[in-house]
Amino acid sequence: EATIHFPSIGRIVAVHVLGDCPVGNASVIIYASSPHRADALGCVEFLINELKARVPIWKREVYEGSDSIWKENIEWHEGKKQRVMVQSNNGGTNHSRGGVGGSTEDE
């Protein structure tokens, strides 16, 4: 699909880390080769936007103490511009959307 929008692209590589990804580390690596810089950059932007729109990516933000929040990527949630956050106390987690303790917030 990306090569339809950017026909000069020669190769594409996309890697997404599964599991823990420490703060400061790359969780997604996308590579696109092209004889034209603008096409390569446009392709990378297209790919990251498509990844976020098509894949339900959850991340857990852990704060000082034992509080944490699970966040779903805003672009994926049922095609709506909103983010689901589920807060857990004392290290517990709740992965469900809209479950007990869940809330949605428009951005």
PDB file of N, CA and C in Angstrom:
ATOM      1  N   GLU A   1       0.822  -1.194   0.000  1.00  0.00           N
ATOM      2  CA  GLU A   1       0.000   0.000   0.000  1.00  0.00           C
ATOM      3  C   GLU A   1       0.872   1.265   0.000  1.00  0.00           C
ATOM      4  N   ALA A   2       1.925   1.255   0.786  1.00  0.00           N
ATOM      5  CA  ALA A   2       2.809   2.425   0.850  1.00  0.00           C
ATOM      6  C   ALA A   2       3.477   2.677  -0.498  1.00  0.00           C
ATOM      7  N   THR A   3       3.827   1.611  -1.201  1.00  0.00           N
ATOM      8  CA  THR A   3       4.508   1.793  -2.492  1.00  0.00           C
ATOM      9  C   THR A   3       3.561   2.306  -3.572  1.00  0.00           C
ATOM     10  N   ILE A   4       2.262   2.158  -3.367  1.00  0.00           N
ATOM     11  CA  ILE A   4       1.304   2.765  -4.289  1.00  0.00           C
ATOM     12  C   ILE A   4       1.351   4.284  -4.147  1.00  0.00           C
ATOM     13  N   HIS A   5       1.411   4.757  -2.899  1.00  0.00           N
ATOM     14  CA  HIS A   5       1.475   6.200  -2.632  1.00  0.00           C
ATOM     15  C   HIS A   5       2.859   6.771  -2.933  1.00  0.00           C
ATOM     16  N   PHE A   6       3.889   5.950  -2.772  1.00  0.00           N
ATOM     17  CA  PHE A   6       5.274   6.395  -2.957  1.00  0.00           C
ATOM     18  C   PHE A   6       5.988   5.380  -3.852  1.00  0.00           C
ATOM     19  N   PRO A   7       5.778   5.455  -5.173  1.00  0.00           N
ATOM     20  CA  PRO A   7       6.291   4.419  -6.080  1.00  0.00           C
ATOM     21  C   PRO A   7       7.809   4.346  -6.188  1.00  0.00           C
ATOM     22  N   SER A   8       8.530   5.370  -5.758  1.00  0.00           N
ATOM     23  CA  SER A   8       9.994   5.312  -5.854  1.00  0.00           C
ATOM     24  C   SER A   8      10.635   4.517  -4.713  1.00  0.00           C
ATOM     25  N   ILE A   9       9.827   4.049  -3.753  1.00  0.00           N
ATOM     26  CA  ILE A   9      10.365   3.307  -2.606  1.00  0.00           C
ATOM     27  C   ILE A   9      10.913   1.964  -3.072  1.00  0.00           C
ATOM     28  N   GLY A  10      12.157   1.688  -2.666  1.00  0.00           N
ATOM     29  CA  GLY A  10      12.788   0.424  -3.017  1.00  0.00           C
ATOM     30  C   GLY A  10      12.553  -0.656  -1.977  1.00  0.00           C
ATOM     31  N   ARG A  11      12.756  -0.305  -0.709  1.00  0.00           N
ATOM     32  CA  ARG A  11      12.603  -1.283   0.376  1.00  0.00           C
ATOM     33  C   ARG A  11      11.943  -0.625   1.576  1.00  0.00           C
ATOM     34  N   ILE A  12      11.218  -1.467   2.322  1.00  0.00           N
ATOM     35  CA  ILE A  12      10.562  -1.017   3.550  1.00  0.00           C
ATOM     36  C   ILE A  12      10.842  -2.044   4.638  1.00  0.00           C
ATOM     37  N   VAL A  13      11.177  -1.559   5.818  1.00  0.00           N
ATOM     38  CA  VAL A  13      11.327  -2.413   6.993  1.00  0.00           C
ATOM     39  C   VAL A  13      10.587  -1.732   8.134  1.00  0.00           C
ATOM     40  N   ALA A  14       9.785  -2.508   8.868  1.00  0.00           N
ATOM     41  CA  ALA A  14       9.086  -1.979  10.034  1.00  0.00           C
ATOM     42  C   ALA A  14       9.196  -2.997  11.167  1.00  0.00           C
ATOM     43  N   VAL A  15       9.592  -2.522  12.352  1.00  0.00           N
ATOM     44  CA  VAL A  15       9.745  -3.372  13.529  1.00  0.00           C
ATOM     45  C   VAL A  15       9.048  -2.688  14.688  1.00  0.00           C
ATOM     46  N   HIS A  16       8.238  -3.453  15.429  1.00  0.00           N
ATOM     47  CA  HIS A  16       7.589  -2.927  16.623  1.00  0.00           C
ATOM     48  C   HIS A  16       7.966  -3.816  17.794  1.00  0.00           C
ATOM     49  N   VAL A  17       8.465  -3.221  18.857  1.00  0.00           N
ATOM     50  CA  VAL A  17       8.880  -3.957  20.047  1.00  0.00           C
ATOM     51  C   VAL A  17       7.645  -4.487  20.767  1.00  0.00           C
ATOM     52  N   LEU A  18       7.708  -5.727  21.181  1.00  0.00           N
ATOM     53  CA  LEU A  18       6.657  -6.320  22.003  1.00  0.00           C
ATOM     54  C   LEU A  18       7.189  -6.459  23.418  1.00  0.00           C
ATOM     55  N   GLY A  19       6.339  -6.247  24.388  1.00  0.00           N
ATOM     56  CA  GLY A  19       6.773  -6.363  25.782  1.00  0.00           C
ATOM     57  C   GLY A  19       7.312  -5.048  26.303  1.00  0.00           C
ATOM     58  N   ASP A  20       8.122  -5.135  27.341  1.00  0.00           N
ATOM     59  CA  ASP A  20       8.661  -3.928  27.975  1.00  0.00           C
ATOM     60  C   ASP A  20       9.576  -3.165  27.034  1.00  0.00           C
ATOM     61  N   CYS A  21       9.425  -1.857  27.067  1.00  0.00           N
ATOM     62  CA  CYS A  21      10.292  -0.971  26.297  1.00  0.00           C
ATOM     63  C   CYS A  21      10.620   0.208  27.210  1.00  0.00           C
ATOM     64  N   PRO A  22      11.824   0.226  27.769  1.00  0.00           N
ATOM     65  CA  PRO A  22      12.179   1.284  28.709  1.00  0.00           C
ATOM     66  C   PRO A  22      12.064   2.684  28.089  1.00  0.00           C
ATOM     67  N   VAL A  23      11.742   3.654  28.922  1.00  0.00           N
ATOM     68  CA  VAL A  23      11.652   5.047  28.481  1.00  0.00           C
ATOM     69  C   VAL A  23      12.959   5.433  27.796  1.00  0.00           C
ATOM     70  N   GLY A  24      12.860   6.077  26.665  1.00  0.00           N
ATOM     71  CA  GLY A  24      14.040   6.514  25.919  1.00  0.00           C
ATOM     72  C   GLY A  24      14.446   5.552  24.817  1.00  0.00           C
ATOM     73  N   ASN A  25      13.947   4.322  24.848  1.00  0.00           N
ATOM     74  CA  ASN A  25      14.249   3.354  23.795  1.00  0.00           C
ATOM     75  C   ASN A  25      13.204   3.446  22.694  1.00  0.00           C
ATOM     76  N   ALA A  26      13.597   3.124  21.471  1.00  0.00           N
ATOM     77  CA  ALA A  26      12.667   3.119  20.345  1.00  0.00           C
ATOM     78  C   ALA A  26      11.733   1.926  20.457  1.00  0.00           C
ATOM     79  N   SER A  27      10.439   2.162  20.326  1.00  0.00           N
ATOM     80  CA  SER A  27       9.472   1.063  20.328  1.00  0.00           C
ATOM     81  C   SER A  27       9.072   0.681  18.909  1.00  0.00           C
ATOM     82  N   VAL A  28       9.296   1.594  17.952  1.00  0.00           N
ATOM     83  CA  VAL A  28       9.001   1.346  16.550  1.00  0.00           C
ATOM     84  C   VAL A  28      10.177   1.836  15.721  1.00  0.00           C
ATOM     85  N   ILE A  29      10.594   1.001  14.779  1.00  0.00           N
ATOM     86  CA  ILE A  29      11.642   1.403  13.831  1.00  0.00           C
ATOM     87  C   ILE A  29      11.080   1.189  12.434  1.00  0.00           C
ATOM     88  N   ILE A  30      11.091   2.232  11.640  1.00  0.00           N
ATOM     89  CA  ILE A  30      10.601   2.146  10.264  1.00  0.00           C
ATOM     90  C   ILE A  30      11.679   2.681   9.340  1.00  0.00           C
ATOM     91  N   TYR A  31      11.939   1.923   8.286  1.00  0.00           N
ATOM     92  CA  TYR A  31      12.974   2.265   7.309  1.00  0.00           C
ATOM     93  C   TYR A  31      12.353   2.212   5.925  1.00  0.00           C
ATOM     94  N   ALA A  32      12.621   3.220   5.104  1.00  0.00           N
ATOM     95  CA  ALA A  32      12.179   3.215   3.711  1.00  0.00           C
ATOM     96  C   ALA A  32      13.317   3.769   2.862  1.00  0.00           C
ATOM     97  N   SER A  33      13.665   3.040   1.807  1.00  0.00           N
ATOM     98  CA  SER A  33      14.732   3.526   0.921  1.00  0.00           C
ATOM     99  C   SER A  33      14.123   4.029  -0.374  1.00  0.00           C
ATOM    100  N   SER A  34      14.688   5.122  -0.861  1.00  0.00           N
ATOM    101  CA  SER A  34      14.206   5.748  -2.087  1.00  0.00           C
ATOM    102  C   SER A  34      15.299   6.646  -2.627  1.00  0.00           C
ATOM    103  N   PRO A  35      15.357   6.828  -3.942  1.00  0.00           N
ATOM    104  CA  PRO A  35      16.306   7.797  -4.488  1.00  0.00           C
ATOM    105  C   PRO A  35      15.900   9.240  -4.163  1.00  0.00           C
ATOM    106  N   HIS A  36      14.673   9.409  -3.679  1.00  0.00           N
ATOM    107  CA  HIS A  36      14.170  10.748  -3.355  1.00  0.00           C
ATOM    108  C   HIS A  36      13.863  10.849  -1.863  1.00  0.00           C
ATOM    109  N   ARG A  37      14.535  11.748  -1.175  1.00  0.00           N
ATOM    110  CA  ARG A  37      14.379  11.913   0.279  1.00  0.00           C
ATOM    111  C   ARG A  37      12.930  12.186   0.670  1.00  0.00           C
ATOM    112  N   ALA A  38      12.256  13.048  -0.068  1.00  0.00           N
ATOM    113  CA  ALA A  38      10.871  13.397   0.278  1.00  0.00           C
ATOM    114  C   ALA A  38       9.969  12.166   0.239  1.00  0.00           C
ATOM    115  N   ASP A  39      10.162  11.285  -0.734  1.00  0.00           N
ATOM    116  CA  ASP A  39       9.357  10.065  -0.805  1.00  0.00           C
ATOM    117  C   ASP A  39       9.657   9.141   0.372  1.00  0.00           C
ATOM    118  N   ALA A  40      10.916   9.005   0.741  1.00  0.00           N
ATOM    119  CA  ALA A  40      11.286   8.144   1.876  1.00  0.00           C
ATOM    120  C   ALA A  40      10.667   8.670   3.171  1.00  0.00           C
ATOM    121  N   LEU A  41      10.771   9.968   3.398  1.00  0.00           N
ATOM    122  CA  LEU A  41      10.204  10.556   4.612  1.00  0.00           C
ATOM    123  C   LEU A  41       8.675  10.465   4.611  1.00  0.00           C
ATOM    124  N   GLY A  42       8.063  10.722   3.466  1.00  0.00           N
ATOM    125  CA  GLY A  42       6.611  10.615   3.356  1.00  0.00           C
ATOM    126  C   GLY A  42       6.138   9.195   3.587  1.00  0.00           C
ATOM    127  N   CYS A  43       6.885   8.226   3.072  1.00  0.00           N
ATOM    128  CA  CYS A  43       6.541   6.822   3.257  1.00  0.00           C
ATOM    129  C   CYS A  43       6.626   6.433   4.727  1.00  0.00           C
ATOM    130  N   VAL A  44       7.666   6.851   5.412  1.00  0.00           N
ATOM    131  CA  VAL A  44       7.806   6.547   6.840  1.00  0.00           C
ATOM    132  C   VAL A  44       6.641   7.154   7.625  1.00  0.00           C
ATOM    133  N   GLU A  45       6.284   8.385   7.314  1.00  0.00           N
ATOM    134  CA  GLU A  45       5.152   9.019   7.993  1.00  0.00           C
ATOM    135  C   GLU A  45       3.854   8.252   7.707  1.00  0.00           C
ATOM    136  N   PHE A  46       3.640   7.873   6.462  1.00  0.00           N
ATOM    137  CA  PHE A  46       2.462   7.090   6.086  1.00  0.00           C
ATOM    138  C   PHE A  46       2.421   5.781   6.875  1.00  0.00           C
ATOM    139  N   LEU A  47       3.558   5.081   6.963  1.00  0.00           N
ATOM    140  CA  LEU A  47       3.607   3.784   7.640  1.00  0.00           C
ATOM    141  C   LEU A  47       3.321   3.891   9.137  1.00  0.00           C
ATOM    142  N   ILE A  48       3.894   4.889   9.815  1.00  0.00           N
ATOM    143  CA  ILE A  48       3.636   5.018  11.255  1.00  0.00           C
ATOM    144  C   ILE A  48       2.178   5.384  11.499  1.00  0.00           C
ATOM    145  N   ASN A  49       1.620   6.229  10.645  1.00  0.00           N
ATOM    146  CA  ASN A  49       0.208   6.582  10.798  1.00  0.00           C
ATOM    147  C   ASN A  49      -0.699   5.384  10.558  1.00  0.00           C
ATOM    148  N   GLU A  50      -0.376   4.554   9.576  1.00  0.00           N
ATOM    149  CA  GLU A  50      -1.167   3.352   9.307  1.00  0.00           C
ATOM    150  C   GLU A  50      -1.032   2.336  10.438  1.00  0.00           C
ATOM    151  N   LEU A  51       0.176   2.173  10.957  1.00  0.00           N
ATOM    152  CA  LEU A  51       0.376   1.260  12.088  1.00  0.00           C
ATOM    153  C   LEU A  51      -0.502   1.673  13.258  1.00  0.00           C
ATOM    154  N   LYS A  52      -0.468   2.951  13.603  1.00  0.00           N
ATOM    155  CA  LYS A  52      -1.238   3.432  14.744  1.00  0.00           C
ATOM    156  C   LYS A  52      -2.741   3.352  14.493  1.00  0.00           C
ATOM    157  N   ALA A  53      -3.163   3.489  13.236  1.00  0.00           N
ATOM    158  CA  ALA A  53      -4.588   3.450  12.912  1.00  0.00           C
ATOM    159  C   ALA A  53      -5.126   2.027  12.822  1.00  0.00           C
ATOM    160  N   ARG A  54      -4.262   1.050  12.511  1.00  0.00           N
ATOM    161  CA  ARG A  54      -4.734  -0.311  12.270  1.00  0.00           C
ATOM    162  C   ARG A  54      -4.471  -1.296  13.403  1.00  0.00           C
ATOM    163  N   VAL A  55      -3.556  -0.959  14.294  1.00  0.00           N
ATOM    164  CA  VAL A  55      -3.157  -1.923  15.324  1.00  0.00           C
ATOM    165  C   VAL A  55      -3.506  -1.364  16.704  1.00  0.00           C
ATOM    166  N   PRO A  56      -4.210  -2.147  17.516  1.00  0.00           N
ATOM    167  CA  PRO A  56      -4.523  -1.691  18.871  1.00  0.00           C
ATOM    168  C   PRO A  56      -3.285  -1.784  19.764  1.00  0.00           C
ATOM    169  N   ILE A  57      -2.607  -0.679  19.911  1.00  0.00           N
ATOM    170  CA  ILE A  57      -1.374  -0.647  20.704  1.00  0.00           C
ATOM    171  C   ILE A  57      -1.697  -0.070  22.074  1.00  0.00           C
ATOM    172  N   TRP A  58      -1.376  -0.837  23.102  1.00  0.00           N
ATOM    173  CA  TRP A  58      -1.558  -0.387  24.476  1.00  0.00           C
ATOM    174  C   TRP A  58      -0.199  -0.154  25.098  1.00  0.00           C
ATOM    175  N   LYS A  59      -0.081   0.893  25.874  1.00  0.00           N
ATOM    176  CA  LYS A  59       1.158   1.091  26.630  1.00  0.00           C
ATOM    177  C   LYS A  59       0.780   1.378  28.078  1.00  0.00           C
ATOM    178  N   ARG A  60       1.641   0.915  28.955  1.00  0.00           N
ATOM    179  CA  ARG A  60       1.424   1.133  30.385  1.00  0.00           C
ATOM    180  C   ARG A  60       2.403   2.188  30.853  1.00  0.00           C
ATOM    181  N   GLU A  61       1.865   3.297  31.330  1.00  0.00           N
ATOM    182  CA  GLU A  61       2.698   4.341  31.904  1.00  0.00           C
ATOM    183  C   GLU A  61       2.745   4.113  33.411  1.00  0.00           C
ATOM    184  N   VAL A  62       3.947   3.935  33.927  1.00  0.00           N
ATOM    185  CA  VAL A  62       4.147   3.668  35.350  1.00  0.00           C
ATOM    186  C   VAL A  62       4.718   4.928  35.985  1.00  0.00           C
ATOM    187  N   TYR A  63       4.110   5.341  37.071  1.00  0.00           N
ATOM    188  CA  TYR A  63       4.519   6.559  37.758  1.00  0.00           C
ATOM    189  C   TYR A  63       5.206   6.214  39.073  1.00  0.00           C
ATOM    190  N   GLU A  64       5.817   7.212  39.696  1.00  0.00           N
ATOM    191  CA  GLU A  64       6.459   6.986  40.990  1.00  0.00           C
ATOM    192  C   GLU A  64       5.432   6.414  41.954  1.00  0.00           C
ATOM    193  N   GLY A  65       5.883   5.549  42.791  1.00  0.00           N
ATOM    194  CA  GLY A  65       4.956   4.837  43.663  1.00  0.00           C
ATOM    195  C   GLY A  65       4.478   3.603  42.926  1.00  0.00           C
ATOM    196  N   SER A  66       3.218   3.265  43.083  1.00  0.00           N
ATOM    197  CA  SER A  66       2.729   2.051  42.431  1.00  0.00           C
ATOM    198  C   SER A  66       1.589   2.320  41.449  1.00  0.00           C
ATOM    199  N   ASP A  67       1.296   3.594  41.172  1.00  0.00           N
ATOM    200  CA  ASP A  67       0.221   3.912  40.242  1.00  0.00           C
ATOM    201  C   ASP A  67       0.680   3.722  38.797  1.00  0.00           C
ATOM    202  N   SER A  68      -0.257   3.269  37.975  1.00  0.00           N
ATOM    203  CA  SER A  68       0.025   3.132  36.555  1.00  0.00           C
ATOM    204  C   SER A  68      -1.259   3.347  35.772  1.00  0.00           C
ATOM    205  N   ILE A  69      -1.110   3.686  34.499  1.00  0.00           N
ATOM    206  CA  ILE A  69      -2.248   3.888  33.607  1.00  0.00           C
ATOM    207  C   ILE A  69      -1.959   3.163  32.303  1.00  0.00           C
ATOM    208  N   TRP A  70      -2.927   2.382  31.818  1.00  0.00           N
ATOM    209  CA  TRP A  70      -2.834   1.778  30.489  1.00  0.00           C
ATOM    210  C   TRP A  70      -3.452   2.753  29.500  1.00  0.00           C
ATOM    211  N   LYS A  71      -2.759   3.025  28.412  1.00  0.00           N
ATOM    212  CA  LYS A  71      -3.271   3.935  27.382  1.00  0.00           C
ATOM    213  C   LYS A  71      -3.313   3.208  26.041  1.00  0.00           C
ATOM    214  N   GLU A  72      -4.428   3.375  25.375  1.00  0.00           N
ATOM    215  CA  GLU A  72      -4.595   2.831  24.030  1.00  0.00           C
ATOM    216  C   GLU A  72      -4.246   3.944  23.050  1.00  0.00           C
ATOM    217  N   ASN A  73      -3.632   3.587  21.909  1.00  0.00           N
ATOM    218  CA  ASN A  73      -3.307   4.638  20.951  1.00  0.00           C
ATOM    219  C   ASN A  73      -4.579   5.313  20.448  1.00  0.00           C
ATOM    220  N   ILE A  74      -4.544   6.629  20.432  1.00  0.00           N
ATOM    221  CA  ILE A  74      -5.715   7.453  20.136  1.00  0.00           C
ATOM    222  C   ILE A  74      -6.270   7.195  18.734  1.00  0.00           C
ATOM    223  N   GLU A  75      -5.418   6.873  17.806  1.00  0.00           N
ATOM    224  CA  GLU A  75      -5.848   6.720  16.420  1.00  0.00           C
ATOM    225  C   GLU A  75      -6.668   5.461  16.183  1.00  0.00           C
ATOM    226  N   TRP A  76      -6.501   4.428  17.010  1.00  0.00           N
ATOM    227  CA  TRP A  76      -7.135   3.146  16.759  1.00  0.00           C
ATOM    228  C   TRP A  76      -8.507   2.989  17.371  1.00  0.00           C
ATOM    229  N   HIS A  77      -8.762   3.557  18.491  1.00  0.00           N
ATOM    230  CA  HIS A  77      -9.966   3.258  19.271  1.00  0.00           C
ATOM    231  C   HIS A  77     -11.246   3.448  18.460  1.00  0.00           C
ATOM    232  N   GLU A  78     -11.698   2.387  17.827  1.00  0.00           N
ATOM    233  CA  GLU A  78     -12.952   2.363  17.087  1.00  0.00           C
ATOM    234  C   GLU A  78     -13.082   3.527  16.116  1.00  0.00           C
ATOM    235  N   GLY A  79     -11.956   3.993  15.598  1.00  0.00           N
ATOM    236  CA  GLY A  79     -11.980   5.075  14.623  1.00  0.00           C
ATOM    237  C   GLY A  79     -12.355   6.432  15.187  1.00  0.00           C
ATOM    238  N   LYS A  80     -12.413   6.552  16.518  1.00  0.00           N
ATOM    239  CA  LYS A  80     -12.789   7.817  17.145  1.00  0.00           C
ATOM    240  C   LYS A  80     -11.552   8.495  17.716  1.00  0.00           C
ATOM    241  N   LYS A  81     -11.525   9.798  17.702  1.00  0.00           N
ATOM    242  CA  LYS A  81     -10.393  10.525  18.273  1.00  0.00           C
ATOM    243  C   LYS A  81     -10.589  10.616  19.780  1.00  0.00           C
ATOM    244  N   GLN A  82     -10.243   9.560  20.456  1.00  0.00           N
ATOM    245  CA  GLN A  82     -10.302   9.544  21.911  1.00  0.00           C
ATOM    246  C   GLN A  82      -9.282   8.547  22.427  1.00  0.00           C
ATOM    247  N   ARG A  83      -8.902   8.679  23.636  1.00  0.00           N
ATOM    248  CA  ARG A  83      -7.945   7.768  24.259  1.00  0.00           C
ATOM    249  C   ARG A  83      -8.605   7.131  25.468  1.00  0.00           C
ATOM    250  N   VAL A  84      -8.389   5.855  25.613  1.00  0.00           N
ATOM    251  CA  VAL A  84      -8.926   5.120  26.754  1.00  0.00           C
ATOM    252  C   VAL A  84      -7.820   4.999  27.790  1.00  0.00           C
ATOM    253  N   MET A  85      -8.118   5.361  29.019  1.00  0.00           N
ATOM    254  CA  MET A  85      -7.139   5.223  30.093  1.00  0.00           C
ATOM    255  C   MET A  85      -7.771   4.425  31.220  1.00  0.00           C
ATOM    256  N   VAL A  86      -7.059   3.453  31.679  1.00  0.00           N
ATOM    257  CA  VAL A  86      -7.516   2.631  32.791  1.00  0.00           C
ATOM    258  C   VAL A  86      -6.470   2.750  33.875  1.00  0.00           C
ATOM    259  N   GLN A  87      -6.835   3.350  34.985  1.00  0.00           N
ATOM    260  CA  GLN A  87      -5.872   3.569  36.061  1.00  0.00           C
ATOM    261  C   GLN A  87      -5.915   2.417  37.039  1.00  0.00           C
ATOM    262  N   SER A  88      -4.731   2.033  37.478  1.00  0.00           N
ATOM    263  CA  SER A  88      -4.660   0.984  38.486  1.00  0.00           C
ATOM    264  C   SER A  88      -3.812   1.478  39.649  1.00  0.00           C
ATOM    265  N   ASN A  89      -4.177   1.091  40.821  1.00  0.00           N
ATOM    266  CA  ASN A  89      -3.436   1.459  42.028  1.00  0.00           C
ATOM    267  C   ASN A  89      -2.761   0.222  42.582  1.00  0.00           C
ATOM    268  N   ASN A  90      -1.698   0.422  43.315  1.00  0.00           N
ATOM    269  CA  ASN A  90      -0.976  -0.662  43.970  1.00  0.00           C
ATOM    270  C   ASN A  90      -0.477  -1.715  42.993  1.00  0.00           C
ATOM    271  N   GLY A  91      -0.093  -1.279  41.802  1.00  0.00           N
ATOM    272  CA  GLY A  91       0.522  -2.190  40.849  1.00  0.00           C
ATOM    273  C   GLY A  91      -0.438  -3.067  40.083  1.00  0.00           C
ATOM    274  N   GLY A  92      -1.750  -3.009  40.400  1.00  0.00           N
ATOM    275  CA  GLY A  92      -2.722  -3.817  39.676  1.00  0.00           C
ATOM    276  C   GLY A  92      -2.954  -3.246  38.283  1.00  0.00           C
ATOM    277  N   THR A  93      -3.448  -4.077  37.384  1.00  0.00           N
ATOM    278  CA  THR A  93      -3.709  -3.596  36.037  1.00  0.00           C
ATOM    279  C   THR A  93      -5.087  -4.013  35.583  1.00  0.00           C
ATOM    280  N   ASN A  94      -5.667  -3.213  34.718  1.00  0.00           N
ATOM    281  CA  ASN A  94      -6.946  -3.518  34.107  1.00  0.00           C
ATOM    282  C   ASN A  94      -6.789  -3.218  32.629  1.00  0.00           C
ATOM    283  N   HIS A  95      -6.758  -4.248  31.788  1.00  0.00           N
ATOM    284  CA  HIS A  95      -6.515  -4.083  30.367  1.00  0.00           C
ATOM    285  C   HIS A  95      -7.767  -3.804  29.564  1.00  0.00           C
ATOM    286  N   SER A  96      -8.933  -3.945  30.160  1.00  0.00           N
ATOM    287  CA  SER A  96     -10.155  -3.846  29.371  1.00  0.00           C
ATOM    288  C   SER A  96     -10.527  -2.405  29.077  1.00  0.00           C
ATOM    289  N   ARG A  97     -11.126  -2.224  27.902  1.00  0.00           N
ATOM    290  CA  ARG A  97     -11.622  -0.912  27.532  1.00  0.00           C
ATOM    291  C   ARG A  97     -12.996  -0.720  28.142  1.00  0.00           C
ATOM    292  N   GLY A  98     -13.185   0.407  28.798  1.00  0.00           N
ATOM    293  CA  GLY A  98     -14.487   0.723  29.334  1.00  0.00           C
ATOM    294  C   GLY A  98     -14.930  -0.190  30.470  1.00  0.00           C
ATOM    295  N   GLY A  99     -14.013  -0.968  31.024  1.00  0.00           N
ATOM    296  CA  GLY A  99     -14.348  -1.854  32.128  1.00  0.00           C
ATOM    297  C   GLY A  99     -14.411  -1.083  33.432  1.00  0.00           C
ATOM    298  N   VAL A 100     -14.449  -1.797  34.511  1.00  0.00           N
ATOM    299  CA  VAL A 100     -14.474  -1.172  35.821  1.00  0.00           C
ATOM    300  C   VAL A 100     -13.249  -0.282  35.974  1.00  0.00           C
ATOM    301  N   GLY A 101     -13.459   0.942  36.337  1.00  0.00           N
ATOM    302  CA  GLY A 101     -12.349   1.879  36.509  1.00  0.00           C
ATOM    303  C   GLY A 101     -11.911   2.508  35.196  1.00  0.00           C
ATOM    304  N   GLY A 102     -12.533   2.149  34.097  1.00  0.00           N
ATOM    305  CA  GLY A 102     -12.135   2.697  32.800  1.00  0.00           C
ATOM    306  C   GLY A 102     -12.832   4.023  32.537  1.00  0.00           C
ATOM    307  N   SER A 103     -12.205   4.836  31.751  1.00  0.00           N
ATOM    308  CA  SER A 103     -12.822   6.088  31.355  1.00  0.00           C
ATOM    309  C   SER A 103     -12.340   6.441  29.964  1.00  0.00           C
ATOM    310  N   THR A 104     -13.115   7.244  29.273  1.00  0.00           N
ATOM    311  CA  THR A 104     -12.659   7.754  27.979  1.00  0.00           C
ATOM    312  C   THR A 104     -12.603   9.263  28.060  1.00  0.00           C
ATOM    313  N   GLU A 105     -11.633   9.806  27.394  1.00  0.00           N
ATOM    314  CA  GLU A 105     -11.474  11.247  27.388  1.00  0.00           C
ATOM    315  C   GLU A 105     -11.274  11.710  25.954  1.00  0.00           C
ATOM    316  N   ASP A 106     -12.061  12.655  25.508  1.00  0.00           N
ATOM    317  CA  ASP A 106     -11.849  13.231  24.185  1.00  0.00           C
ATOM    318  C   ASP A 106     -10.635  14.137  24.227  1.00  0.00           C
ATOM    319  N   GLU A 107      -9.860  14.106  23.158  1.00  0.00           N
ATOM    320  CA  GLU A 107      -8.687  14.990  23.079  1.00  0.00           C
ATOM    321  C   GLU A 107      -8.886  15.999  21.987  1.00  0.00           C
TER     322      GLU A 107
END
